[in-house]
C-alpha cells in the first residue's frame, strides 16, 4: 500500500477539487441563462427540466438522497472531529451542488485535523 500524500498535498488537492466543483456546475448554469435570459420564466423552466423526464427525476432523487445523507454525516463528523464551519456545506450544496460541498467539507476537515 502506498503512503498517504503529505497534508499540504492533500489540502492542495482538496482545494483544487473544491474550485472545480464550484466552477464546473456554474458554467452550465451560466450557459443556460446566457442562452435563455435571466427571468422568472427562464428560472422556472430551468428547475422544471430537473423533473421533465424519468431519468431526470431519478437523478434528482439520487442527488436529494445523497445530499441529505451527506448533511447528516458531515454534521455528525464535524462534531466528532471539531470541524468548524461545517454548516457551510448546506448553502454550498443548495446553491452550487454536492460536487462543490463534498470537497469543501473534506478540505475543512483536513484543515481541522492539522489543529490537533
N, C-alpha and C. Protein backbone atom coordinates (compact mmCIF):
# COMPACT_ATOMS: atom_id res chain seq x y z
N UNK A 1 0.85 -1.17 0.00
CA UNK A 1 0.00 0.00 0.00
C UNK A 1 0.89 1.24 0.00
N UNK A 2 0.55 2.21 -0.85
CA UNK A 2 1.36 3.42 -0.93
C UNK A 2 1.01 4.36 0.22
N UNK A 3 2.00 5.16 0.64
CA UNK A 3 1.74 6.09 1.76
C UNK A 3 0.78 7.20 1.33
N UNK A 4 0.14 7.77 2.32
CA UNK A 4 -0.77 8.91 2.10
C UNK A 4 0.04 10.12 1.65
N UNK A 5 -0.51 10.92 0.75
CA UNK A 5 0.20 12.16 0.41
C UNK A 5 0.34 13.03 1.66
N UNK A 6 1.30 13.92 1.63
CA UNK A 6 1.50 14.81 2.78
C UNK A 6 0.28 15.70 2.96
N UNK A 7 0.14 16.25 4.15
CA UNK A 7 -1.02 17.11 4.46
C UNK A 7 -1.11 18.30 3.52
N UNK A 8 -0.02 19.01 3.23
CA UNK A 8 -0.12 20.12 2.28
C UNK A 8 -0.59 19.68 0.89
N UNK A 9 -0.16 18.51 0.47
CA UNK A 9 -0.59 17.99 -0.84
C UNK A 9 -2.08 17.65 -0.79
N UNK A 10 -2.53 17.02 0.30
CA UNK A 10 -3.97 16.71 0.43
C UNK A 10 -4.79 17.99 0.42
N UNK A 11 -4.33 19.01 1.14
CA UNK A 11 -5.05 20.29 1.17
C UNK A 11 -5.09 20.90 -0.24
N UNK A 12 -3.99 20.87 -0.95
CA UNK A 12 -3.95 21.43 -2.31
C UNK A 12 -4.90 20.68 -3.24
N UNK A 13 -4.91 19.37 -3.15
CA UNK A 13 -5.81 18.57 -4.00
C UNK A 13 -7.26 18.87 -3.67
N UNK A 14 -7.59 18.92 -2.39
CA UNK A 14 -8.98 19.20 -1.99
C UNK A 14 -9.39 20.62 -2.38
N UNK A 15 -8.47 21.57 -2.27
CA UNK A 15 -8.77 22.93 -2.70
C UNK A 15 -9.04 22.97 -4.21
N UNK A 16 -8.22 22.29 -4.98
CA UNK A 16 -8.42 22.22 -6.43
C UNK A 16 -9.77 21.58 -6.76
N UNK A 17 -10.11 20.48 -6.09
CA UNK A 17 -11.41 19.83 -6.33
C UNK A 17 -12.57 20.72 -5.91
N UNK A 18 -12.39 21.48 -4.85
CA UNK A 18 -13.43 22.43 -4.41
C UNK A 18 -13.64 23.50 -5.48
N UNK A 19 -12.57 24.02 -6.02
CA UNK A 19 -12.67 25.04 -7.07
C UNK A 19 -13.33 24.46 -8.32
N UNK A 20 -12.90 23.27 -8.73
CA UNK A 20 -13.51 22.62 -9.89
C UNK A 20 -14.99 22.35 -9.62
N UNK A 21 -15.30 21.91 -8.41
CA UNK A 21 -16.68 21.63 -8.03
C UNK A 21 -17.55 22.87 -8.01
N UNK A 22 -16.95 24.03 -7.88
CA UNK A 22 -17.70 25.29 -7.96
C UNK A 22 -17.83 25.75 -9.40
N UNK A 23 -16.73 25.73 -10.14
CA UNK A 23 -16.70 26.28 -11.49
C UNK A 23 -17.48 25.42 -12.49
N UNK A 24 -17.28 24.12 -12.47
CA UNK A 24 -17.90 23.25 -13.48
C UNK A 24 -19.42 23.35 -13.51
N UNK A 25 -20.13 23.13 -12.40
CA UNK A 25 -21.59 23.21 -12.48
C UNK A 25 -22.09 24.63 -12.78
N UNK A 26 -21.38 25.63 -12.27
CA UNK A 26 -21.81 27.00 -12.52
C UNK A 26 -21.61 27.41 -13.98
N UNK A 27 -20.68 26.76 -14.66
CA UNK A 27 -20.51 27.07 -16.09
C UNK A 27 -21.74 26.63 -16.88
N UNK A 28 -22.37 25.53 -16.46
CA UNK A 28 -23.60 25.09 -17.12
C UNK A 28 -24.77 26.03 -16.81
N UNK A 29 -24.85 26.48 -15.57
CA UNK A 29 -25.90 27.43 -15.18
C UNK A 29 -25.72 28.73 -15.97
N UNK A 30 -24.49 29.20 -16.04
CA UNK A 30 -24.19 30.41 -16.80
C UNK A 30 -24.61 30.24 -18.26
N UNK A 31 -24.23 29.12 -18.86
CA UNK A 31 -24.57 28.86 -20.27
C UNK A 31 -26.08 28.86 -20.47
N UNK A 32 -26.80 28.21 -19.57
CA UNK A 32 -28.26 28.13 -19.70
C UNK A 32 -28.87 29.54 -19.69
N UNK A 33 -28.50 30.34 -18.70
CA UNK A 33 -29.11 31.66 -18.58
C UNK A 33 -28.59 32.63 -19.64
N UNK A 34 -27.39 32.40 -20.14
CA UNK A 34 -26.92 33.21 -21.25
C UNK A 34 -27.76 32.94 -22.49
N UNK A 35 -28.12 31.67 -22.72
CA UNK A 35 -28.92 31.29 -23.88
C UNK A 35 -30.41 31.62 -23.70
N UNK A 36 -30.90 31.59 -22.46
CA UNK A 36 -32.34 31.74 -22.21
C UNK A 36 -32.73 33.03 -21.52
N UNK A 37 -31.76 33.84 -21.14
CA UNK A 37 -32.05 35.07 -20.43
C UNK A 37 -32.32 34.79 -18.96
N UNK A 38 -32.16 35.81 -18.16
CA UNK A 38 -32.40 35.68 -16.72
C UNK A 38 -33.74 36.33 -16.40
N UNK A 39 -34.72 35.48 -16.14
CA UNK A 39 -36.06 35.96 -15.81
C UNK A 39 -36.73 34.93 -14.92
N UNK A 40 -37.87 35.30 -14.39
CA UNK A 40 -38.65 34.35 -13.58
C UNK A 40 -39.03 33.15 -14.42
N UNK A 41 -39.43 33.39 -15.67
CA UNK A 41 -39.85 32.30 -16.56
C UNK A 41 -38.69 31.35 -16.87
N UNK A 42 -37.52 31.90 -17.19
CA UNK A 42 -36.38 31.03 -17.51
C UNK A 42 -35.91 30.26 -16.28
N UNK A 43 -36.02 30.88 -15.11
CA UNK A 43 -35.65 30.18 -13.87
C UNK A 43 -36.61 29.04 -13.59
N UNK A 44 -37.91 29.28 -13.77
CA UNK A 44 -38.90 28.20 -13.60
C UNK A 44 -38.64 27.08 -14.59
N UNK A 45 -38.37 27.43 -15.83
CA UNK A 45 -38.10 26.42 -16.86
C UNK A 45 -36.84 25.62 -16.51
N UNK A 46 -35.82 26.30 -15.98
CA UNK A 46 -34.58 25.62 -15.59
C UNK A 46 -34.86 24.53 -14.57
N UNK A 47 -35.61 24.87 -13.53
CA UNK A 47 -35.90 23.88 -12.49
C UNK A 47 -36.91 22.83 -12.97
N UNK A 48 -37.79 23.18 -13.89
CA UNK A 48 -38.73 22.20 -14.44
C UNK A 48 -37.99 21.11 -15.20
N UNK A 49 -36.87 21.46 -15.81
CA UNK A 49 -36.08 20.46 -16.53
C UNK A 49 -35.51 19.38 -15.60
N UNK A 50 -35.42 19.69 -14.32
CA UNK A 50 -34.89 18.71 -13.36
C UNK A 50 -35.81 17.50 -13.24
N UNK A 51 -37.07 17.66 -13.59
CA UNK A 51 -38.03 16.57 -13.39
C UNK A 51 -38.88 16.31 -14.65
N UNK A 52 -38.42 16.76 -15.81
CA UNK A 52 -39.25 16.61 -17.01
C UNK A 52 -39.11 15.27 -17.72
N UNK A 53 -38.29 14.38 -17.19
CA UNK A 53 -38.20 13.01 -17.73
C UNK A 53 -37.90 12.06 -16.57
N UNK A 54 -38.15 10.80 -16.79
CA UNK A 54 -37.87 9.81 -15.74
C UNK A 54 -36.38 9.77 -15.40
N UNK A 55 -35.47 9.81 -16.38
CA UNK A 55 -34.05 9.85 -16.00
C UNK A 55 -33.70 11.10 -15.17
N UNK A 56 -34.27 12.25 -15.52
CA UNK A 56 -34.01 13.47 -14.74
C UNK A 56 -34.59 13.33 -13.34
N UNK A 57 -35.76 12.74 -13.22
CA UNK A 57 -36.37 12.52 -11.90
C UNK A 57 -35.50 11.59 -11.06
N UNK A 58 -34.98 10.54 -11.70
CA UNK A 58 -34.12 9.59 -10.98
C UNK A 58 -32.86 10.28 -10.48
N UNK A 59 -32.25 11.09 -11.34
CA UNK A 59 -31.04 11.81 -10.95
C UNK A 59 -31.31 12.82 -9.84
N UNK A 60 -32.43 13.51 -9.94
CA UNK A 60 -32.81 14.48 -8.91
C UNK A 60 -33.05 13.78 -7.57
N UNK A 61 -33.74 12.65 -7.60
CA UNK A 61 -33.97 11.88 -6.37
C UNK A 61 -32.64 11.38 -5.80
N UNK A 62 -31.78 10.87 -6.65
CA UNK A 62 -30.48 10.38 -6.22
C UNK A 62 -29.67 11.49 -5.54
N UNK A 63 -29.64 12.65 -6.17
CA UNK A 63 -28.89 13.77 -5.59
C UNK A 63 -29.53 14.26 -4.30
N UNK A 64 -30.85 14.23 -4.23
CA UNK A 64 -31.54 14.64 -3.00
C UNK A 64 -31.21 13.72 -1.83
N UNK A 65 -31.24 12.43 -2.07
CA UNK A 65 -30.92 11.46 -1.02
C UNK A 65 -29.45 11.57 -0.62
N UNK A 66 -28.59 11.71 -1.61
CA UNK A 66 -27.16 11.86 -1.35
C UNK A 66 -26.89 13.12 -0.52
N UNK A 67 -27.55 14.21 -0.89
CA UNK A 67 -27.38 15.47 -0.17
C UNK A 67 -27.82 15.35 1.28
N UNK A 68 -28.99 14.80 1.51
CA UNK A 68 -29.48 14.64 2.88
C UNK A 68 -28.55 13.77 3.72
N UNK A 69 -28.09 12.69 3.13
CA UNK A 69 -27.16 11.79 3.83
C UNK A 69 -25.85 12.51 4.14
N UNK A 70 -25.34 13.25 3.17
CA UNK A 70 -24.10 13.98 3.37
C UNK A 70 -24.25 15.03 4.47
N UNK A 71 -25.36 15.75 4.49
CA UNK A 71 -25.58 16.75 5.53
C UNK A 71 -25.58 16.12 6.92
N UNK A 72 -26.27 14.99 7.07
CA UNK A 72 -26.29 14.31 8.37
C UNK A 72 -24.89 13.85 8.76
N UNK A 73 -24.23 13.15 7.84
CA UNK A 73 -22.90 12.62 8.15
C UNK A 73 -21.93 13.75 8.46
N UNK A 74 -21.94 14.83 7.66
CA UNK A 74 -20.97 15.91 7.89
C UNK A 74 -21.22 16.58 9.23
N UNK A 75 -22.47 16.69 9.64
CA UNK A 75 -22.77 17.26 10.96
C UNK A 75 -22.22 16.37 12.07
N UNK A 76 -22.50 15.10 11.95
CA UNK A 76 -22.01 14.15 12.97
C UNK A 76 -20.48 14.13 12.99
N UNK A 77 -19.87 14.06 11.81
CA UNK A 77 -18.42 14.01 11.70
C UNK A 77 -17.79 15.29 12.23
N UNK A 78 -18.40 16.43 11.92
CA UNK A 78 -17.87 17.71 12.38
C UNK A 78 -17.87 17.80 13.90
N UNK A 79 -18.92 17.32 14.52
CA UNK A 79 -18.97 17.32 15.99
C UNK A 79 -17.85 16.45 16.56
N UNK A 80 -17.69 15.29 15.96
CA UNK A 80 -16.70 14.33 16.46
C UNK A 80 -15.28 14.83 16.26
N UNK A 81 -15.02 15.51 15.15
CA UNK A 81 -13.66 15.93 14.79
C UNK A 81 -13.38 17.41 15.02
N UNK A 82 -14.38 18.16 15.49
CA UNK A 82 -14.18 19.58 15.76
C UNK A 82 -13.99 20.41 14.50
N UNK A 83 -14.75 20.09 13.47
CA UNK A 83 -14.65 20.84 12.21
C UNK A 83 -15.53 22.08 12.32
N UNK A 84 -14.87 23.22 12.34
CA UNK A 84 -15.62 24.49 12.41
C UNK A 84 -16.10 24.85 11.01
N UNK A 85 -17.25 25.50 10.96
CA UNK A 85 -17.79 25.94 9.68
C UNK A 85 -18.39 24.84 8.84
N UNK A 86 -18.65 23.68 9.45
CA UNK A 86 -19.21 22.54 8.70
C UNK A 86 -20.51 22.93 8.02
N UNK A 87 -21.27 23.82 8.65
CA UNK A 87 -22.59 24.20 8.16
C UNK A 87 -22.54 24.84 6.78
N UNK A 88 -21.36 25.29 6.35
CA UNK A 88 -21.25 25.90 5.02
C UNK A 88 -21.58 24.91 3.91
N UNK A 89 -21.56 23.61 4.23
CA UNK A 89 -21.91 22.63 3.20
C UNK A 89 -23.39 22.70 2.83
N UNK A 90 -24.23 23.20 3.74
CA UNK A 90 -25.66 23.30 3.43
C UNK A 90 -25.90 24.34 2.33
N UNK A 91 -25.47 25.59 2.51
CA UNK A 91 -25.65 26.53 1.39
C UNK A 91 -24.81 26.17 0.16
N UNK A 92 -23.64 25.57 0.37
CA UNK A 92 -22.80 25.17 -0.77
C UNK A 92 -23.53 24.15 -1.64
N UNK A 93 -24.20 23.20 -1.00
CA UNK A 93 -24.94 22.20 -1.74
C UNK A 93 -26.18 22.81 -2.38
N UNK A 94 -26.87 23.65 -1.62
CA UNK A 94 -28.13 24.23 -2.09
C UNK A 94 -27.93 25.21 -3.23
N UNK A 95 -26.83 25.92 -3.25
CA UNK A 95 -26.62 26.93 -4.28
C UNK A 95 -25.76 26.46 -5.46
N UNK A 96 -24.86 25.52 -5.21
CA UNK A 96 -23.99 25.04 -6.28
C UNK A 96 -24.21 23.56 -6.53
N UNK A 97 -23.99 22.72 -5.53
CA UNK A 97 -24.20 21.29 -5.70
C UNK A 97 -23.30 20.47 -4.80
N UNK A 98 -23.61 19.20 -4.78
CA UNK A 98 -22.87 18.25 -3.94
C UNK A 98 -21.41 18.14 -4.40
N UNK A 99 -21.16 18.39 -5.70
CA UNK A 99 -19.79 18.30 -6.22
C UNK A 99 -18.92 19.43 -5.69
N UNK A 100 -19.52 20.47 -5.16
CA UNK A 100 -18.79 21.56 -4.50
C UNK A 100 -18.73 21.32 -3.00
N UNK A 101 -19.84 20.89 -2.42
CA UNK A 101 -19.94 20.76 -0.97
C UNK A 101 -19.05 19.65 -0.40
N UNK A 102 -18.96 18.52 -1.07
CA UNK A 102 -18.16 17.41 -0.53
C UNK A 102 -16.68 17.78 -0.45
N UNK A 103 -16.05 18.23 -1.55
CA UNK A 103 -14.64 18.59 -1.38
C UNK A 103 -14.43 19.77 -0.42
N UNK A 104 -15.41 20.68 -0.36
CA UNK A 104 -15.32 21.78 0.60
C UNK A 104 -15.29 21.24 2.03
N UNK A 105 -16.19 20.34 2.35
CA UNK A 105 -16.21 19.78 3.70
C UNK A 105 -14.92 19.00 3.99
N UNK A 106 -14.47 18.20 3.03
CA UNK A 106 -13.24 17.44 3.24
C UNK A 106 -12.04 18.36 3.43
N UNK A 107 -12.05 19.49 2.75
CA UNK A 107 -11.00 20.49 2.95
C UNK A 107 -11.07 21.07 4.36
N UNK A 108 -12.27 21.45 4.80
CA UNK A 108 -12.44 21.95 6.17
C UNK A 108 -11.99 20.90 7.19
N UNK A 109 -12.31 19.65 6.91
CA UNK A 109 -11.96 18.54 7.80
C UNK A 109 -10.45 18.36 7.87
N UNK A 110 -9.79 18.45 6.73
CA UNK A 110 -8.33 18.30 6.68
C UNK A 110 -7.65 19.45 7.42
N UNK A 111 -8.17 20.66 7.26
CA UNK A 111 -7.61 21.81 7.98
C UNK A 111 -7.79 21.62 9.49
N UNK A 112 -8.97 21.18 9.89
CA UNK A 112 -9.24 20.95 11.32
C UNK A 112 -8.34 19.86 11.89
N UNK A 113 -8.03 18.87 11.10
CA UNK A 113 -7.16 17.78 11.56
C UNK A 113 -5.75 18.27 11.86
N UNK A 114 -5.33 19.32 11.19
CA UNK A 114 -4.00 19.88 11.43
C UNK A 114 -3.89 20.67 12.70
N UNK A 115 -5.02 20.97 13.30
CA UNK A 115 -5.02 21.76 14.55
C UNK A 115 -4.97 20.86 15.78
N UNK A 116 -4.91 19.56 15.56
CA UNK A 116 -4.83 18.62 16.70
C UNK A 116 -3.50 18.68 17.38
